[in-house]
């Protein structure tokens, strides 16, 4: 006879929180640093915001690396592993 009891995980109705997008992180950092008197921190916040919007000035090689990382994450992870960068 089939076991019709509820599985152990059936009572867990919480939905895991999704990771924030780059834009969400950039906005959060910019909001936190809005009133900062640290010029470098503000500059970094602006860089993050521009990067999240895809408007950060980059050279051709970096643009290609970002394209591959965005569209082929498994390839990027494999290459990082081969270079020993994943540690």
N, C-alpha and C. Protein backbone atom coordinates (compact mmCIF):
# COMPACT_ATOMS: atom_id res chain seq x y z
N UNK A 1 0.84 -1.17 0.00
CA UNK A 1 0.00 0.00 0.00
C UNK A 1 0.90 1.24 0.00
N UNK A 2 0.52 2.28 -0.72
CA UNK A 2 1.31 3.50 -0.85
C UNK A 2 1.24 4.32 0.42
N UNK A 3 2.35 4.95 0.76
CA UNK A 3 2.42 5.82 1.93
C UNK A 3 1.90 7.20 1.52
N UNK A 4 0.77 7.60 2.09
CA UNK A 4 0.14 8.87 1.73
C UNK A 4 0.42 9.97 2.76
N UNK A 5 1.31 9.69 3.70
CA UNK A 5 1.63 10.70 4.70
C UNK A 5 2.39 11.85 4.04
N UNK A 6 2.35 12.99 4.68
CA UNK A 6 3.00 14.17 4.13
C UNK A 6 4.51 14.06 4.30
N UNK A 7 5.28 14.49 3.31
CA UNK A 7 6.74 14.45 3.44
C UNK A 7 7.20 15.40 4.53
N UNK A 8 8.40 15.16 5.01
CA UNK A 8 8.94 15.94 6.12
C UNK A 8 9.05 17.43 5.78
N UNK A 9 9.26 17.76 4.53
CA UNK A 9 9.43 19.17 4.14
C UNK A 9 8.10 19.87 3.86
N UNK A 10 6.97 19.15 3.96
CA UNK A 10 5.68 19.73 3.60
C UNK A 10 5.29 20.89 4.51
N UNK A 11 5.72 20.89 5.76
CA UNK A 11 5.36 21.96 6.67
C UNK A 11 6.17 23.22 6.47
N UNK A 12 7.24 23.14 5.72
CA UNK A 12 8.09 24.29 5.48
C UNK A 12 7.54 25.08 4.30
N UNK A 13 6.86 26.19 4.61
CA UNK A 13 6.24 26.98 3.54
C UNK A 13 7.01 28.25 3.25
N UNK A 14 8.17 28.42 3.85
CA UNK A 14 8.95 29.63 3.58
C UNK A 14 9.60 29.55 2.22
N UNK A 15 9.61 30.65 1.56
CA UNK A 15 10.24 30.74 0.24
C UNK A 15 11.60 31.36 0.44
N UNK A 16 12.66 30.70 -0.02
CA UNK A 16 13.99 31.27 0.16
C UNK A 16 14.09 32.62 -0.56
N UNK A 17 14.71 33.57 0.10
CA UNK A 17 14.87 34.90 -0.48
C UNK A 17 15.79 34.85 -1.68
N UNK A 18 15.38 35.53 -2.73
CA UNK A 18 16.21 35.59 -3.93
C UNK A 18 17.38 36.52 -3.68
N UNK A 19 18.49 36.24 -4.32
CA UNK A 19 19.66 37.11 -4.19
C UNK A 19 19.33 38.46 -4.84
N UNK A 20 19.77 39.55 -4.22
CA UNK A 20 19.49 40.85 -4.81
C UNK A 20 20.25 41.02 -6.13
N UNK A 21 19.64 41.77 -7.02
CA UNK A 21 20.28 42.02 -8.30
C UNK A 21 21.43 43.02 -8.10
N UNK A 22 22.26 43.14 -9.12
CA UNK A 22 23.35 44.11 -9.07
C UNK A 22 22.81 45.52 -8.86
N UNK A 23 21.68 45.80 -9.49
CA UNK A 23 21.08 47.12 -9.36
C UNK A 23 20.59 47.35 -7.93
N UNK A 24 19.97 46.34 -7.32
CA UNK A 24 19.52 46.45 -5.93
C UNK A 24 20.68 46.75 -5.00
N UNK A 25 21.79 46.04 -5.19
CA UNK A 25 22.98 46.25 -4.36
C UNK A 25 23.54 47.65 -4.58
N UNK A 26 23.64 48.05 -5.82
CA UNK A 26 24.19 49.37 -6.14
C UNK A 26 23.34 50.48 -5.55
N UNK A 27 22.04 50.35 -5.63
CA UNK A 27 21.14 51.36 -5.06
C UNK A 27 21.30 51.41 -3.55
N UNK A 28 21.37 50.25 -2.93
CA UNK A 28 21.54 50.19 -1.47
C UNK A 28 22.84 50.86 -1.03
N UNK A 29 23.93 50.56 -1.73
CA UNK A 29 25.22 51.17 -1.40
C UNK A 29 25.16 52.67 -1.61
N UNK A 30 24.58 53.10 -2.70
CA UNK A 30 24.49 54.53 -2.99
C UNK A 30 23.66 55.24 -1.93
N UNK A 31 22.55 54.61 -1.49
CA UNK A 31 21.72 55.23 -0.46
C UNK A 31 22.49 55.34 0.86
N UNK A 32 23.25 54.33 1.20
CA UNK A 32 24.01 54.35 2.45
C UNK A 32 25.11 55.41 2.42
N UNK A 33 25.66 55.66 1.25
CA UNK A 33 26.78 56.60 1.14
C UNK A 33 26.36 57.99 0.68
N UNK A 34 25.06 58.21 0.54
CA UNK A 34 24.57 59.48 0.02
C UNK A 34 25.09 60.67 0.82
N UNK A 35 25.12 60.54 2.11
CA UNK A 35 25.54 61.65 2.96
C UNK A 35 26.96 61.46 3.49
N UNK A 36 27.70 60.56 2.89
CA UNK A 36 29.07 60.30 3.33
C UNK A 36 30.00 61.42 2.89
N UNK A 37 30.98 61.70 3.72
CA UNK A 37 31.97 62.70 3.34
C UNK A 37 33.24 62.03 2.80
N UNK A 38 33.15 60.74 2.57
CA UNK A 38 34.28 59.99 2.04
C UNK A 38 34.16 59.93 0.52
N UNK A 39 34.95 60.71 -0.16
CA UNK A 39 34.87 60.82 -1.61
C UNK A 39 35.09 59.48 -2.31
N UNK A 40 36.04 58.69 -1.83
CA UNK A 40 36.30 57.40 -2.48
C UNK A 40 35.12 56.46 -2.36
N UNK A 41 34.43 56.48 -1.22
CA UNK A 41 33.26 55.62 -1.04
C UNK A 41 32.14 56.04 -1.99
N UNK A 42 31.94 57.33 -2.13
CA UNK A 42 30.91 57.81 -3.04
C UNK A 42 31.28 57.44 -4.47
N UNK A 43 32.53 57.58 -4.80
CA UNK A 43 33.00 57.22 -6.15
C UNK A 43 32.75 55.74 -6.43
N UNK A 44 33.03 54.89 -5.44
CA UNK A 44 32.80 53.46 -5.60
C UNK A 44 31.31 53.16 -5.75
N UNK A 45 30.47 53.85 -4.99
CA UNK A 45 29.02 53.66 -5.10
C UNK A 45 28.54 54.04 -6.50
N UNK A 46 29.06 55.13 -7.02
CA UNK A 46 28.68 55.53 -8.38
C UNK A 46 29.15 54.51 -9.42
N UNK A 47 30.36 53.98 -9.22
CA UNK A 47 30.87 52.96 -10.14
C UNK A 47 29.99 51.73 -10.12
N UNK A 48 29.58 51.29 -8.92
CA UNK A 48 28.69 50.13 -8.80
C UNK A 48 27.35 50.38 -9.49
N UNK A 49 26.82 51.58 -9.31
CA UNK A 49 25.54 51.92 -9.93
C UNK A 49 25.65 51.92 -11.45
N UNK A 50 26.71 52.55 -11.96
CA UNK A 50 26.91 52.55 -13.41
C UNK A 50 27.10 51.15 -13.96
N UNK A 51 27.83 50.32 -13.22
CA UNK A 51 28.05 48.94 -13.66
C UNK A 51 26.75 48.16 -13.70
N UNK A 52 25.91 48.34 -12.66
CA UNK A 52 24.63 47.64 -12.61
C UNK A 52 23.71 48.07 -13.76
N UNK A 53 23.84 49.32 -14.16
CA UNK A 53 23.03 49.82 -15.27
C UNK A 53 23.63 49.50 -16.63
N UNK A 54 24.83 48.92 -16.62
CA UNK A 54 25.50 48.61 -17.87
C UNK A 54 26.06 49.84 -18.55
N UNK A 55 26.33 50.89 -17.76
CA UNK A 55 26.80 52.14 -18.33
C UNK A 55 28.21 52.50 -17.90
N UNK A 56 28.87 51.59 -17.21
CA UNK A 56 30.24 51.86 -16.76
C UNK A 56 31.18 51.80 -17.96
N UNK A 57 32.04 52.79 -18.12
CA UNK A 57 32.99 52.72 -19.23
C UNK A 57 34.01 51.60 -18.99
N UNK A 58 34.11 50.71 -19.96
CA UNK A 58 35.05 49.59 -19.85
C UNK A 58 35.77 49.44 -21.18
N UNK A 59 36.92 48.77 -21.11
CA UNK A 59 37.63 48.51 -22.36
C UNK A 59 37.01 47.28 -23.03
N UNK A 60 37.41 47.01 -24.24
CA UNK A 60 36.81 45.94 -25.04
C UNK A 60 37.00 44.56 -24.40
N UNK A 61 38.18 44.31 -23.84
CA UNK A 61 38.46 43.01 -23.23
C UNK A 61 37.56 42.77 -22.02
N UNK A 62 37.43 43.79 -21.17
CA UNK A 62 36.58 43.64 -19.99
C UNK A 62 35.12 43.48 -20.38
N UNK A 63 34.69 44.19 -21.41
CA UNK A 63 33.31 44.06 -21.89
C UNK A 63 33.06 42.63 -22.37
N UNK A 64 34.02 42.03 -23.06
CA UNK A 64 33.87 40.66 -23.53
C UNK A 64 33.82 39.68 -22.35
N UNK A 65 34.67 39.90 -21.34
CA UNK A 65 34.66 39.03 -20.17
C UNK A 65 33.33 39.11 -19.44
N UNK A 66 32.79 40.31 -19.32
CA UNK A 66 31.49 40.47 -18.65
C UNK A 66 30.37 39.79 -19.45
N UNK A 67 30.43 39.89 -20.76
CA UNK A 67 29.42 39.24 -21.60
C UNK A 67 29.44 37.74 -21.37
N UNK A 68 30.63 37.16 -21.39
CA UNK A 68 30.75 35.71 -21.19
C UNK A 68 30.27 35.34 -19.79
N UNK A 69 30.66 36.12 -18.79
CA UNK A 69 30.26 35.83 -17.41
C UNK A 69 28.74 35.91 -17.24
N UNK A 70 28.12 36.87 -17.88
CA UNK A 70 26.67 37.04 -17.77
C UNK A 70 25.91 35.95 -18.51
N UNK A 71 26.37 35.57 -19.69
CA UNK A 71 25.62 34.64 -20.52
C UNK A 71 26.07 33.18 -20.40
N UNK A 72 27.26 32.98 -19.91
CA UNK A 72 27.81 31.62 -19.80
C UNK A 72 28.47 31.43 -18.44
N UNK A 73 27.69 31.46 -17.35
CA UNK A 73 28.28 31.38 -16.01
C UNK A 73 29.05 30.09 -15.74
N UNK A 74 28.64 28.99 -16.35
CA UNK A 74 29.36 27.72 -16.14
C UNK A 74 30.74 27.77 -16.78
N UNK A 75 30.84 28.39 -17.93
CA UNK A 75 32.14 28.53 -18.59
C UNK A 75 33.04 29.43 -17.74
N UNK A 76 32.48 30.51 -17.24
CA UNK A 76 33.24 31.43 -16.39
C UNK A 76 33.74 30.73 -15.14
N UNK A 77 32.87 29.93 -14.51
CA UNK A 77 33.26 29.20 -13.30
C UNK A 77 34.36 28.19 -13.62
N UNK A 78 34.24 27.50 -14.76
CA UNK A 78 35.24 26.53 -15.16
C UNK A 78 36.59 27.20 -15.37
N UNK A 79 36.59 28.33 -16.08
CA UNK A 79 37.84 29.04 -16.34
C UNK A 79 38.47 29.57 -15.05
N UNK A 80 37.64 30.07 -14.14
CA UNK A 80 38.15 30.54 -12.84
C UNK A 80 38.76 29.39 -12.06
N UNK A 81 38.13 28.22 -12.14
CA UNK A 81 38.64 27.03 -11.45
C UNK A 81 39.99 26.61 -12.04
N UNK A 82 40.09 26.66 -13.35
CA UNK A 82 41.33 26.28 -14.02
C UNK A 82 42.48 27.24 -13.64
N UNK A 83 42.13 28.51 -13.43
CA UNK A 83 43.14 29.50 -13.06
C UNK A 83 43.40 29.53 -11.56
N UNK A 84 42.61 28.76 -10.79
CA UNK A 84 42.77 28.73 -9.34
C UNK A 84 42.20 29.95 -8.66
N UNK A 85 41.23 30.62 -9.28
CA UNK A 85 40.65 31.86 -8.74
C UNK A 85 39.46 31.59 -7.84
N UNK A 86 39.00 30.37 -7.73
CA UNK A 86 37.78 30.09 -6.98
C UNK A 86 38.02 29.83 -5.51
N UNK A 87 39.21 30.05 -5.03
CA UNK A 87 39.50 29.72 -3.64
C UNK A 87 39.27 30.86 -2.71
